[in-house]
């Protein structure tokens, strides 16, 4: 059976799927000796990494199942790479010579 989901065949209840995933992750975290790990902790990492690599708030929201407003509020300000990108853009606007000079508009 083809499914639109990677880890779910759409025949079991979502609650059952979550229980299986939680159990598998606990086992993985234990084997990796990651203390205090839980799936939600890695959600923040994923969001900030995606934003830092240029993903839009809408794209990250789609991945996380949130709204773009929630992503902007909770994850956007914490992405150092995103903040650096914004700083670089501001630097280009105010301190670098533009590659192409805009033509003067004629007012009639």
N, C-alpha and C. Protein backbone atom coordinates (compact mmCIF):
# COMPACT_ATOMS: atom_id res chain seq x y z
N UNK A 1 0.84 -1.18 0.00
CA UNK A 1 0.00 0.00 0.00
C UNK A 1 0.89 1.25 0.00
N UNK A 2 0.64 2.15 -0.91
CA UNK A 2 1.37 3.41 -0.94
C UNK A 2 0.79 4.35 0.10
N UNK A 3 1.66 5.10 0.73
CA UNK A 3 1.23 6.05 1.75
C UNK A 3 1.91 7.38 1.50
N UNK A 4 1.24 8.45 1.86
CA UNK A 4 1.84 9.77 1.70
C UNK A 4 2.76 10.11 2.88
N UNK A 5 2.84 9.22 3.86
CA UNK A 5 3.69 9.44 5.03
C UNK A 5 4.88 8.50 5.00
N UNK A 6 6.00 8.94 5.57
CA UNK A 6 7.20 8.11 5.60
C UNK A 6 7.11 7.01 6.64
N UNK A 7 6.56 7.31 7.81
CA UNK A 7 6.61 6.37 8.93
C UNK A 7 5.24 5.87 9.37
N UNK A 8 4.25 6.03 8.54
CA UNK A 8 2.90 5.63 8.94
C UNK A 8 2.15 5.13 7.72
N UNK A 9 1.47 4.01 7.88
CA UNK A 9 0.74 3.44 6.75
C UNK A 9 -0.72 3.88 6.71
N UNK A 10 -1.11 4.76 7.62
CA UNK A 10 -2.46 5.33 7.70
C UNK A 10 -3.52 4.32 8.13
N UNK A 11 -3.11 3.14 8.63
CA UNK A 11 -4.11 2.17 9.09
C UNK A 11 -4.21 2.16 10.61
N UNK A 12 -3.13 2.47 11.30
CA UNK A 12 -3.19 2.51 12.77
C UNK A 12 -3.60 3.92 13.21
N UNK A 13 -3.93 4.03 14.47
CA UNK A 13 -4.30 5.33 15.01
C UNK A 13 -3.04 6.17 15.20
N UNK A 14 -3.13 7.47 14.98
CA UNK A 14 -1.96 8.34 15.20
C UNK A 14 -1.38 8.20 16.61
N UNK A 15 -2.22 7.98 17.61
CA UNK A 15 -1.75 7.82 18.98
C UNK A 15 -0.85 6.58 19.11
N UNK A 16 -1.21 5.50 18.42
CA UNK A 16 -0.39 4.29 18.42
C UNK A 16 0.95 4.55 17.74
N UNK A 17 0.92 5.27 16.63
CA UNK A 17 2.15 5.62 15.92
C UNK A 17 3.06 6.42 16.83
N UNK A 18 2.52 7.42 17.52
CA UNK A 18 3.32 8.24 18.43
C UNK A 18 3.97 7.39 19.51
N UNK A 19 3.22 6.42 20.06
CA UNK A 19 3.78 5.54 21.10
C UNK A 19 4.95 4.73 20.55
N UNK A 20 4.82 4.23 19.33
CA UNK A 20 5.91 3.46 18.71
C UNK A 20 7.14 4.34 18.48
N UNK A 21 6.91 5.54 17.98
CA UNK A 21 8.03 6.46 17.72
C UNK A 21 8.70 6.86 19.03
N UNK A 22 7.92 7.18 20.04
CA UNK A 22 8.49 7.55 21.35
C UNK A 22 9.35 6.42 21.91
N UNK A 23 8.87 5.20 21.82
CA UNK A 23 9.61 4.04 22.32
C UNK A 23 10.92 3.87 21.53
N UNK A 24 10.85 4.01 20.22
CA UNK A 24 12.05 3.87 19.40
C UNK A 24 13.07 4.97 19.71
N UNK A 25 12.59 6.20 19.89
CA UNK A 25 13.50 7.30 20.20
C UNK A 25 14.13 7.14 21.57
N UNK A 26 13.36 6.69 22.56
CA UNK A 26 13.93 6.45 23.89
C UNK A 26 15.06 5.44 23.80
N UNK A 27 14.85 4.40 23.03
CA UNK A 27 15.87 3.37 22.85
C UNK A 27 17.10 3.96 22.15
N UNK A 28 16.88 4.75 21.15
CA UNK A 28 17.97 5.39 20.42
C UNK A 28 18.76 6.34 21.32
N UNK A 29 18.05 7.17 22.09
CA UNK A 29 18.73 8.11 22.98
C UNK A 29 19.53 7.37 24.05
N UNK A 30 18.99 6.27 24.54
CA UNK A 30 19.70 5.48 25.55
C UNK A 30 20.97 4.88 24.94
N UNK A 31 20.85 4.31 23.76
CA UNK A 31 22.01 3.70 23.10
C UNK A 31 23.09 4.74 22.77
N UNK A 32 22.65 5.97 22.47
CA UNK A 32 23.59 7.04 22.14
C UNK A 32 24.09 7.78 23.38
N UNK A 33 23.57 7.39 24.54
CA UNK A 33 23.95 8.01 25.82
C UNK A 33 23.67 9.51 25.84
N UNK A 34 22.53 9.91 25.26
CA UNK A 34 22.12 11.31 25.26
C UNK A 34 21.20 11.50 26.46
N UNK A 35 21.72 12.17 27.49
CA UNK A 35 20.94 12.35 28.71
C UNK A 35 19.92 13.47 28.53
N UNK A 36 18.73 13.25 29.08
CA UNK A 36 17.68 14.26 29.05
C UNK A 36 17.11 14.52 27.67
N UNK A 37 17.37 13.62 26.73
CA UNK A 37 16.90 13.83 25.36
C UNK A 37 15.42 13.47 25.23
N UNK A 38 14.75 14.23 24.41
CA UNK A 38 13.38 13.91 24.01
C UNK A 38 13.15 14.53 22.64
N UNK A 39 12.18 14.03 21.93
CA UNK A 39 11.97 14.43 20.53
C UNK A 39 11.74 15.92 20.38
N UNK A 40 11.05 16.54 21.32
CA UNK A 40 10.73 17.96 21.18
C UNK A 40 11.98 18.83 21.19
N UNK A 41 13.00 18.40 21.90
CA UNK A 41 14.25 19.17 21.95
C UNK A 41 14.86 19.30 20.56
N UNK A 42 14.75 18.28 19.75
CA UNK A 42 15.34 18.30 18.43
C UNK A 42 14.48 19.07 17.42
N UNK A 43 13.25 19.32 17.77
CA UNK A 43 12.36 20.13 16.94
C UNK A 43 12.91 21.56 16.82
N UNK A 44 13.34 22.11 17.94
CA UNK A 44 13.90 23.46 17.93
C UNK A 44 15.18 23.51 17.10
N UNK A 45 16.02 22.48 17.25
CA UNK A 45 17.25 22.41 16.46
C UNK A 45 16.94 22.38 14.98
N UNK A 46 15.97 21.54 14.60
CA UNK A 46 15.60 21.44 13.19
C UNK A 46 15.10 22.78 12.67
N UNK A 47 14.22 23.42 13.42
CA UNK A 47 13.66 24.71 12.98
C UNK A 47 14.75 25.76 12.79
N UNK A 48 15.65 25.89 13.74
CA UNK A 48 16.68 26.91 13.63
C UNK A 48 17.69 26.58 12.53
N UNK A 49 17.97 25.31 12.34
CA UNK A 49 18.87 24.92 11.23
C UNK A 49 18.24 25.24 9.88
N UNK A 50 16.97 24.94 9.73
CA UNK A 50 16.29 25.23 8.47
C UNK A 50 16.26 26.73 8.19
N UNK A 51 15.91 27.51 9.21
CA UNK A 51 15.89 28.97 9.03
C UNK A 51 17.28 29.51 8.71
N UNK A 52 18.28 28.95 9.35
CA UNK A 52 19.65 29.38 9.10
C UNK A 52 20.13 29.07 7.71
N UNK A 53 19.53 28.08 7.09
CA UNK A 53 19.92 27.69 5.72
C UNK A 53 19.05 28.36 4.66
N UNK A 54 18.19 29.29 5.12
CA UNK A 54 17.42 30.08 4.16
C UNK A 54 15.98 29.64 3.96
N UNK A 55 15.51 28.66 4.71
CA UNK A 55 14.11 28.24 4.57
C UNK A 55 13.20 29.38 5.04
N UNK A 56 12.05 29.50 4.42
CA UNK A 56 11.10 30.53 4.81
C UNK A 56 10.32 30.07 6.04
N UNK A 57 9.67 31.03 6.71
CA UNK A 57 8.83 30.68 7.85
C UNK A 57 7.72 29.73 7.42
N UNK A 58 7.20 29.92 6.21
CA UNK A 58 6.14 29.05 5.70
C UNK A 58 6.63 27.62 5.51
N UNK A 59 7.84 27.48 4.97
CA UNK A 59 8.39 26.13 4.76
C UNK A 59 8.63 25.42 6.09
N UNK A 60 9.20 26.12 7.05
CA UNK A 60 9.45 25.52 8.35
C UNK A 60 8.13 25.18 9.03
N UNK A 61 7.14 26.06 8.89
CA UNK A 61 5.82 25.80 9.48
C UNK A 61 5.20 24.53 8.89
N UNK A 62 5.35 24.35 7.59
CA UNK A 62 4.83 23.14 6.95
C UNK A 62 5.50 21.89 7.51
N UNK A 63 6.80 21.96 7.71
CA UNK A 63 7.55 20.81 8.22
C UNK A 63 7.15 20.49 9.66
N UNK A 64 7.02 21.55 10.48
CA UNK A 64 6.72 21.35 11.91
C UNK A 64 5.23 21.18 12.19
N UNK A 65 4.38 21.57 11.26
CA UNK A 65 2.95 21.52 11.50
C UNK A 65 2.46 22.70 12.33
N UNK A 66 3.14 23.82 12.18
CA UNK A 66 2.76 25.06 12.87
C UNK A 66 2.33 26.10 11.85
N UNK A 67 1.96 27.26 12.36
CA UNK A 67 1.70 28.39 11.48
C UNK A 67 3.00 29.17 11.31
N UNK A 68 3.14 29.92 10.22
CA UNK A 68 4.33 30.75 10.04
C UNK A 68 4.52 31.74 11.19
N UNK A 69 3.43 32.24 11.76
CA UNK A 69 3.52 33.19 12.87
C UNK A 69 4.17 32.53 14.10
N UNK A 70 3.81 31.29 14.38
CA UNK A 70 4.39 30.56 15.52
C UNK A 70 5.87 30.31 15.28
N UNK A 71 6.22 29.94 14.06
CA UNK A 71 7.63 29.69 13.73
C UNK A 71 8.42 30.98 13.91
N UNK A 72 7.89 32.08 13.40
CA UNK A 72 8.58 33.37 13.53
C UNK A 72 8.77 33.73 15.00
N UNK A 73 7.73 33.55 15.81
CA UNK A 73 7.77 33.92 17.22
C UNK A 73 8.74 33.06 18.03
N UNK A 74 8.69 31.74 17.81
CA UNK A 74 9.44 30.83 18.68
C UNK A 74 10.82 30.42 18.16
N UNK A 75 11.03 30.48 16.87
CA UNK A 75 12.28 29.96 16.33
C UNK A 75 13.12 30.99 15.57
N UNK A 76 12.47 31.96 14.95
CA UNK A 76 13.18 32.90 14.09
C UNK A 76 14.24 33.72 14.79
N UNK A 77 13.93 34.19 15.97
CA UNK A 77 14.89 35.06 16.66
C UNK A 77 16.06 34.28 17.25
N UNK A 78 15.94 32.97 17.34
CA UNK A 78 17.00 32.17 17.96
C UNK A 78 17.95 31.56 16.94
N UNK A 79 17.73 31.81 15.69
CA UNK A 79 18.60 31.24 14.66
C UNK A 79 19.76 32.20 14.40
N UNK A 80 20.93 31.87 14.94
CA UNK A 80 22.10 32.72 14.77
C UNK A 80 22.46 32.86 13.29
N UNK A 81 22.37 31.77 12.54
CA UNK A 81 22.70 31.84 11.12
C UNK A 81 21.74 32.77 10.39
N UNK A 82 20.46 32.72 10.75
CA UNK A 82 19.47 33.62 10.14
C UNK A 82 19.77 35.06 10.51
N UNK A 83 20.07 35.31 11.77
CA UNK A 83 20.40 36.67 12.21
C UNK A 83 21.65 37.18 11.48
N UNK A 84 22.64 36.32 11.29
CA UNK A 84 23.85 36.71 10.55
C UNK A 84 23.52 37.03 9.10
N UNK A 85 22.64 36.25 8.48
CA UNK A 85 22.22 36.50 7.10
C UNK A 85 21.54 37.85 6.99
N UNK A 86 20.68 38.16 7.95
CA UNK A 86 19.99 39.45 7.96
C UNK A 86 21.01 40.58 8.12
N UNK A 87 21.96 40.38 9.02
CA UNK A 87 23.02 41.38 9.20
C UNK A 87 23.82 41.60 7.92
N UNK A 88 24.14 40.51 7.23
CA UNK A 88 24.86 40.62 5.96
C UNK A 88 24.05 41.39 4.93
N UNK A 89 22.76 41.14 4.87
CA UNK A 89 21.90 41.88 3.93
C UNK A 89 21.90 43.37 4.25
N UNK A 90 21.79 43.70 5.52
CA UNK A 90 21.80 45.11 5.92
C UNK A 90 23.16 45.74 5.58
N UNK A 91 24.21 45.01 5.79
CA UNK A 91 25.56 45.48 5.46
C UNK A 91 25.64 45.81 3.97
N UNK A 92 25.09 44.93 3.13
CA UNK A 92 25.12 45.14 1.69
C UNK A 92 24.34 46.38 1.30
N UNK A 93 23.20 46.59 1.91
CA UNK A 93 22.35 47.72 1.57
C UNK A 93 23.01 49.04 1.94
N UNK A 94 23.61 49.10 3.11
CA UNK A 94 24.09 50.38 3.61
C UNK A 94 25.58 50.65 3.45
N UNK A 95 26.38 49.62 3.23
CA UNK A 95 27.81 49.86 3.22
C UNK A 95 28.54 49.40 1.96
N UNK A 96 27.87 48.70 1.08
CA UNK A 96 28.53 48.24 -0.13
C UNK A 96 27.99 48.98 -1.34
N UNK A 97 28.85 49.16 -2.33
CA UNK A 97 28.44 49.81 -3.56
C UNK A 97 27.55 48.85 -4.34
N UNK A 98 26.38 49.32 -4.78
CA UNK A 98 25.51 48.41 -5.55
C UNK A 98 26.18 48.01 -6.87
N UNK A 99 25.93 46.78 -7.27
CA UNK A 99 26.51 46.26 -8.51
C UNK A 99 25.98 47.03 -9.72
N UNK A 100 24.71 47.38 -9.70
CA UNK A 100 24.09 48.12 -10.79
C UNK A 100 23.44 49.35 -10.19
N UNK A 101 23.81 50.51 -10.71
CA UNK A 101 23.23 51.74 -10.20
C UNK A 101 21.84 51.91 -10.78
N UNK A 102 20.87 52.24 -9.96
CA UNK A 102 19.52 52.42 -10.47
C UNK A 102 19.45 53.67 -11.35
N UNK A 103 18.64 53.59 -12.39
CA UNK A 103 18.51 54.76 -13.28
C UNK A 103 17.64 55.80 -12.58
N UNK A 104 17.85 57.04 -12.93
CA UNK A 104 17.07 58.12 -12.32
C UNK A 104 15.69 58.13 -12.94
N UNK A 105 14.70 58.20 -12.09
CA UNK A 105 13.33 58.24 -12.58
C UNK A 105 13.00 59.66 -13.05
N UNK A 106 12.27 59.76 -14.09
CA UNK A 106 11.84 61.06 -14.60
C UNK A 106 10.47 61.38 -14.06
N UNK A 107 10.35 62.55 -13.53
CA UNK A 107 9.06 63.01 -13.04
C UNK A 107 8.54 64.04 -14.02
N UNK A 108 7.33 63.84 -14.50
CA UNK A 108 6.75 64.77 -15.47
C UNK A 108 5.58 65.52 -14.90
